[in-house]
Amino acid sequence: MKTWTEEIEINAPIETVWKVIDGSEENLKKLDPKIISSKVIEETEKRIGSRYLQEYKEGKKVMEYVVEVKDYLEDDNNKMFEIGFELGNWFDITVKYVLKKVDEDKTHLVYTTTNRPMKFFAKIVMRMMGNNSSVVKTHVEKIKKLSET
């Protein structure tokens, strides 16, 4: 299992940053153009347990997976959104966004992703991939850019 964490200060109000990472199909596509769609399977009142069917294009291959909201918090000063999904029966992936209001125009973001291989061969592939921290850093910088424009 590998975990990557990246933190960044964003010069935007917490609500603005929250809208960028809220999980809506429109915003998901802005964050990652490889996401083709995200459709509701089941939505719960408190969001925890909500599930979405997403389609993701990698090269010519389109993969489908179910994303489930594992944890969720939304108040004026702190927001958190954690999802989990299995990618191609190879990896169990967890993604977590934690926002903290610094002041009216600044937000602190902590982004954490965990990738757990589900098969022996996936462990080998993950070792060969090495440190994927540049992908995590790029993702966080994209959130910052989208929030500040």
C-alpha atoms as a PDB file:
ATOM      1  CA  MET A   1       0.000   0.000   0.000  1.00  0.00           C
ATOM      2  CA  LYS A   2       1.214   3.501  -0.813  1.00  0.00           C
ATOM      3  CA  THR A   3      -0.044   6.802   0.503  1.00  0.00           C
ATOM      4  CA  TRP A   4       0.724  10.239  -0.887  1.00  0.00           C
ATOM      5  CA  THR A   5      -0.165  13.518   0.820  1.00  0.00           C
ATOM      6  CA  GLU A   6       0.177  17.050  -0.481  1.00  0.00           C
ATOM      7  CA  GLU A   7      -0.739  20.313   1.283  1.00  0.00           C
ATOM      8  CA  ILE A   8      -1.210  23.751  -0.236  1.00  0.00           C
ATOM      9  CA  GLU A   9      -2.505  27.215   0.641  1.00  0.00           C
ATOM     10  CA  ILE A  10      -5.115  28.471  -1.808  1.00  0.00           C
ATOM     11  CA  ASN A  11      -5.922  32.163  -2.166  1.00  0.00           C
ATOM     12  CA  ALA A  12      -9.669  31.676  -2.344  1.00  0.00           C
ATOM     13  CA  PRO A  13     -12.539  31.358   0.139  1.00  0.00           C
ATOM     14  CA  ILE A  14     -13.261  27.860   1.441  1.00  0.00           C
ATOM     15  CA  GLU A  15     -16.626  27.755  -0.395  1.00  0.00           C
ATOM     16  CA  THR A  16     -14.907  28.472  -3.728  1.00  0.00           C
ATOM     17  CA  VAL A  17     -12.393  25.651  -3.240  1.00  0.00           C
ATOM     18  CA  TRP A  18     -15.182  23.329  -2.059  1.00  0.00           C
ATOM     19  CA  LYS A  19     -17.090  23.878  -5.313  1.00  0.00           C
ATOM     20  CA  VAL A  20     -14.018  22.791  -7.304  1.00  0.00           C
ATOM     21  CA  ILE A  21     -13.775  19.434  -5.488  1.00  0.00           C
ATOM     22  CA  ASP A  22     -17.462  18.825  -4.738  1.00  0.00           C
ATOM     23  CA  GLY A  23     -17.642  15.659  -6.849  1.00  0.00           C
ATOM     24  CA  SER A  24     -20.045  17.050  -9.451  1.00  0.00           C
ATOM     25  CA  GLU A  25     -19.592  15.645 -12.949  1.00  0.00           C
ATOM     26  CA  GLU A  26     -18.779  19.079 -14.379  1.00  0.00           C
ATOM     27  CA  ASN A  27     -16.038  19.763 -11.835  1.00  0.00           C
ATOM     28  CA  LEU A  28     -14.624  16.232 -12.024  1.00  0.00           C
ATOM     29  CA  LYS A  29     -14.111  16.707 -15.761  1.00  0.00           C
ATOM     30  CA  LYS A  30     -12.298  20.006 -15.130  1.00  0.00           C
ATOM     31  CA  LEU A  31      -9.994  18.328 -12.618  1.00  0.00           C
ATOM     32  CA  ASP A  32      -9.377  15.262 -14.781  1.00  0.00           C
ATOM     33  CA  PRO A  33     -10.352  15.334 -18.471  1.00  0.00           C
ATOM     34  CA  LYS A  34      -9.999  11.525 -18.585  1.00  0.00           C
ATOM     35  CA  ILE A  35     -13.247  11.250 -16.611  1.00  0.00           C
ATOM     36  CA  ILE A  36     -16.021  10.714 -19.150  1.00  0.00           C
ATOM     37  CA  SER A  37     -19.006  10.648 -16.806  1.00  0.00           C
ATOM     38  CA  SER A  38     -20.162  10.376 -13.206  1.00  0.00           C
ATOM     39  CA  LYS A  39     -23.754   9.266 -12.644  1.00  0.00           C
ATOM     40  CA  VAL A  40     -25.610   8.884  -9.363  1.00  0.00           C
ATOM     41  CA  ILE A  41     -26.389   5.300  -8.343  1.00  0.00           C
ATOM     42  CA  GLU A  42     -27.553   6.149  -4.840  1.00  0.00           C
ATOM     43  CA  GLU A  43     -27.437   9.378  -2.848  1.00  0.00           C
ATOM     44  CA  THR A  44     -27.863   9.526   0.896  1.00  0.00           C
ATOM     45  CA  GLU A  45     -29.045  12.526   2.882  1.00  0.00           C
ATOM     46  CA  LYS A  46     -25.709  12.964   4.676  1.00  0.00           C
ATOM     47  CA  ARG A  47     -23.644  11.949   1.591  1.00  0.00           C
ATOM     48  CA  ILE A  48     -21.820   9.129   3.427  1.00  0.00           C
ATOM     49  CA  GLY A  49     -22.644   5.925   1.564  1.00  0.00           C
ATOM     50  CA  SER A  50     -23.620   7.733  -1.641  1.00  0.00           C
ATOM     51  CA  ARG A  51     -22.417   5.876  -4.731  1.00  0.00           C
ATOM     52  CA  TYR A  52     -21.631   7.027  -8.254  1.00  0.00           C
ATOM     53  CA  LEU A  53     -20.802   5.154 -11.445  1.00  0.00           C
ATOM     54  CA  GLN A  54     -17.842   6.763 -13.181  1.00  0.00           C
ATOM     55  CA  GLU A  55     -16.337   6.156 -16.590  1.00  0.00           C
ATOM     56  CA  TYR A  56     -12.656   6.885 -17.080  1.00  0.00           C
ATOM     57  CA  LYS A  57     -10.692   6.793 -20.333  1.00  0.00           C
ATOM     58  CA  GLU A  58      -7.069   5.680 -20.284  1.00  0.00           C
ATOM     59  CA  GLY A  59      -5.740   5.732 -23.840  1.00  0.00           C
ATOM     60  CA  LYS A  60      -8.318   3.832 -25.904  1.00  0.00           C
ATOM     61  CA  LYS A  61      -9.626   1.833 -22.947  1.00  0.00           C
ATOM     62  CA  VAL A  62     -12.718   2.965 -21.017  1.00  0.00           C
ATOM     63  CA  MET A  63     -13.058   1.701 -17.452  1.00  0.00           C
ATOM     64  CA  GLU A  64     -16.105   1.821 -15.216  1.00  0.00           C
ATOM     65  CA  TYR A  65     -15.951   1.851 -11.454  1.00  0.00           C
ATOM     66  CA  VAL A  66     -18.231   2.652  -8.539  1.00  0.00           C
ATOM     67  CA  VAL A  67     -17.141   5.502  -6.275  1.00  0.00           C
ATOM     68  CA  GLU A  68     -18.493   5.510  -2.713  1.00  0.00           C
ATOM     69  CA  VAL A  69     -18.422   8.437  -0.285  1.00  0.00           C
ATOM     70  CA  LYS A  70     -16.669   7.069   2.808  1.00  0.00           C
ATOM     71  CA  ASP A  71     -16.667  10.192   4.963  1.00  0.00           C
ATOM     72  CA  TYR A  72     -18.037  13.713   4.653  1.00  0.00           C
ATOM     73  CA  LEU A  73     -18.016  16.925   6.710  1.00  0.00           C
ATOM     74  CA  GLU A  74     -19.271  20.361   5.771  1.00  0.00           C
ATOM     75  CA  ASP A  75     -19.378  23.368   8.059  1.00  0.00           C
ATOM     76  CA  ASP A  76     -18.332  27.008   7.698  1.00  0.00           C
ATOM     77  CA  ASN A  77     -14.671  26.506   8.664  1.00  0.00           C
ATOM     78  CA  ASN A  78     -13.887  22.874   7.830  1.00  0.00           C
ATOM     79  CA  LYS A  79     -14.872  20.620   4.970  1.00  0.00           C
ATOM     80  CA  MET A  80     -13.846  17.055   4.203  1.00  0.00           C
ATOM     81  CA  PHE A  81     -14.716  14.610   1.458  1.00  0.00           C
ATOM     82  CA  GLU A  82     -13.363  11.051   1.300  1.00  0.00           C
ATOM     83  CA  ILE A  83     -14.160   8.576  -1.456  1.00  0.00           C
ATOM     84  CA  GLY A  84     -13.106   5.041  -2.250  1.00  0.00           C
ATOM     85  CA  PHE A  85     -13.217   2.863  -5.355  1.00  0.00           C
ATOM     86  CA  GLU A  86     -11.698  -0.229  -6.922  1.00  0.00           C
ATOM     87  CA  LEU A  87      -9.909   0.339 -10.194  1.00  0.00           C
ATOM     88  CA  GLY A  88     -10.107  -2.618 -12.556  1.00  0.00           C
ATOM     89  CA  ASN A  89     -10.024  -5.162  -9.696  1.00  0.00           C
ATOM     90  CA  TRP A  90      -6.358  -4.236  -9.401  1.00  0.00           C
ATOM     91  CA  PHE A  91      -6.261  -1.383  -6.906  1.00  0.00           C
ATOM     92  CA  ASP A  92      -8.372  -0.226  -3.984  1.00  0.00           C
ATOM     93  CA  ILE A  93      -8.025   3.563  -4.013  1.00  0.00           C
ATOM     94  CA  THR A  94      -9.013   6.091  -1.365  1.00  0.00           C
ATOM     95  CA  VAL A  95      -8.976   9.843  -1.988  1.00  0.00           C
ATOM     96  CA  LYS A  96      -9.450  12.426   0.761  1.00  0.00           C
ATOM     97  CA  TYR A  97      -9.758  16.213   0.589  1.00  0.00           C
ATOM     98  CA  VAL A  98      -9.581  18.236   3.824  1.00  0.00           C
ATOM     99  CA  LEU A  99     -10.216  21.986   3.704  1.00  0.00           C
ATOM    100  CA  LYS A 100      -9.631  24.397   6.563  1.00  0.00           C
ATOM    101  CA  LYS A 101     -10.600  28.043   6.432  1.00  0.00           C
ATOM    102  CA  VAL A 102      -7.506  30.163   7.154  1.00  0.00           C
ATOM    103  CA  ASP A 103      -9.365  33.460   6.712  1.00  0.00           C
ATOM    104  CA  GLU A 104     -12.081  34.871   4.446  1.00  0.00           C
ATOM    105  CA  ASP A 105      -9.871  34.660   1.358  1.00  0.00           C
ATOM    106  CA  LYS A 106      -7.490  31.794   2.089  1.00  0.00           C
ATOM    107  CA  THR A 107      -7.985  28.026   2.446  1.00  0.00           C
ATOM    108  CA  HIS A 108      -5.602  25.277   3.488  1.00  0.00           C
ATOM    109  CA  LEU A 109      -6.016  22.040   1.487  1.00  0.00           C
ATOM    110  CA  VAL A 110      -4.675  18.628   2.460  1.00  0.00           C
ATOM    111  CA  TYR A 111      -5.055  16.007  -0.264  1.00  0.00           C
ATOM    112  CA  THR A 112      -4.306  12.366   0.507  1.00  0.00           C
ATOM    113  CA  THR A 113      -4.600   9.362  -1.764  1.00  0.00           C
ATOM    114  CA  THR A 114      -3.952   5.749  -0.840  1.00  0.00           C
ATOM    115  CA  ASN A 115      -3.445   2.987  -3.367  1.00  0.00           C
ATOM    116  CA  ARG A 116      -3.699  -0.610  -2.130  1.00  0.00           C
ATOM    117  CA  PRO A 117      -2.941  -3.377  -4.652  1.00  0.00           C
ATOM    118  CA  MET A 118      -5.556  -6.126  -4.699  1.00  0.00           C
ATOM    119  CA  LYS A 119      -3.506  -8.717  -6.587  1.00  0.00           C
ATOM    120  CA  PHE A 120       0.075  -9.885  -6.358  1.00  0.00           C
ATOM    121  CA  PHE A 121       0.842  -8.673  -9.876  1.00  0.00           C
ATOM    122  CA  ALA A 122      -0.572  -5.235  -8.978  1.00  0.00           C
ATOM    123  CA  LYS A 123       2.007  -5.017  -6.164  1.00  0.00           C
ATOM    124  CA  ILE A 124       4.766  -5.532  -8.704  1.00  0.00           C
ATOM    125  CA  VAL A 125       3.272  -2.915 -11.042  1.00  0.00           C
ATOM    126  CA  MET A 126       3.030  -0.444  -8.155  1.00  0.00           C
ATOM    127  CA  ARG A 127       6.689  -0.989  -7.215  1.00  0.00           C
ATOM    128  CA  MET A 128       7.690  -0.403 -10.834  1.00  0.00           C
ATOM    129  CA  MET A 129       5.704   2.862 -10.898  1.00  0.00           C
ATOM    130  CA  GLY A 130       7.886   4.225  -8.119  1.00  0.00           C
ATOM    131  CA  ASN A 131       6.984   7.430  -6.359  1.00  0.00           C
ATOM    132  CA  ASN A 132       3.887   8.975  -7.918  1.00  0.00           C
ATOM    133  CA  SER A 133       4.078  12.187  -5.872  1.00  0.00           C
ATOM    134  CA  SER A 134       4.374  14.384  -8.980  1.00  0.00           C
ATOM    135  CA  VAL A 135       0.849  13.317 -10.034  1.00  0.00           C
ATOM    136  CA  VAL A 136      -0.481  14.242  -6.579  1.00  0.00           C
ATOM    137  CA  LYS A 137       1.329  17.590  -6.619  1.00  0.00           C
ATOM    138  CA  THR A 138      -0.019  18.366 -10.118  1.00  0.00           C
ATOM    139  CA  HIS A 139      -3.574  17.527  -8.969  1.00  0.00           C
ATOM    140  CA  VAL A 140      -3.328  19.861  -5.961  1.00  0.00           C
ATOM    141  CA  GLU A 141      -1.881  22.648  -8.102  1.00  0.00           C
ATOM    142  CA  LYS A 142      -4.770  22.229 -10.556  1.00  0.00           C
ATOM    143  CA  ILE A 143      -7.264  22.615  -7.675  1.00  0.00           C
ATOM    144  CA  LYS A 144      -5.435  25.781  -6.648  1.00  0.00           C
ATOM    145  CA  LYS A 145      -5.496  27.179 -10.186  1.00  0.00           C
ATOM    146  CA  LEU A 146      -9.202  26.403 -10.712  1.00  0.00           C
ATOM    147  CA  SER A 147     -10.069  27.913  -7.309  1.00  0.00           C
ATOM    148  CA  GLU A 148      -8.083  31.121  -7.802  1.00  0.00           C
ATOM    149  CA  THR A 149      -9.401  31.963 -11.286  1.00  0.00           C
END
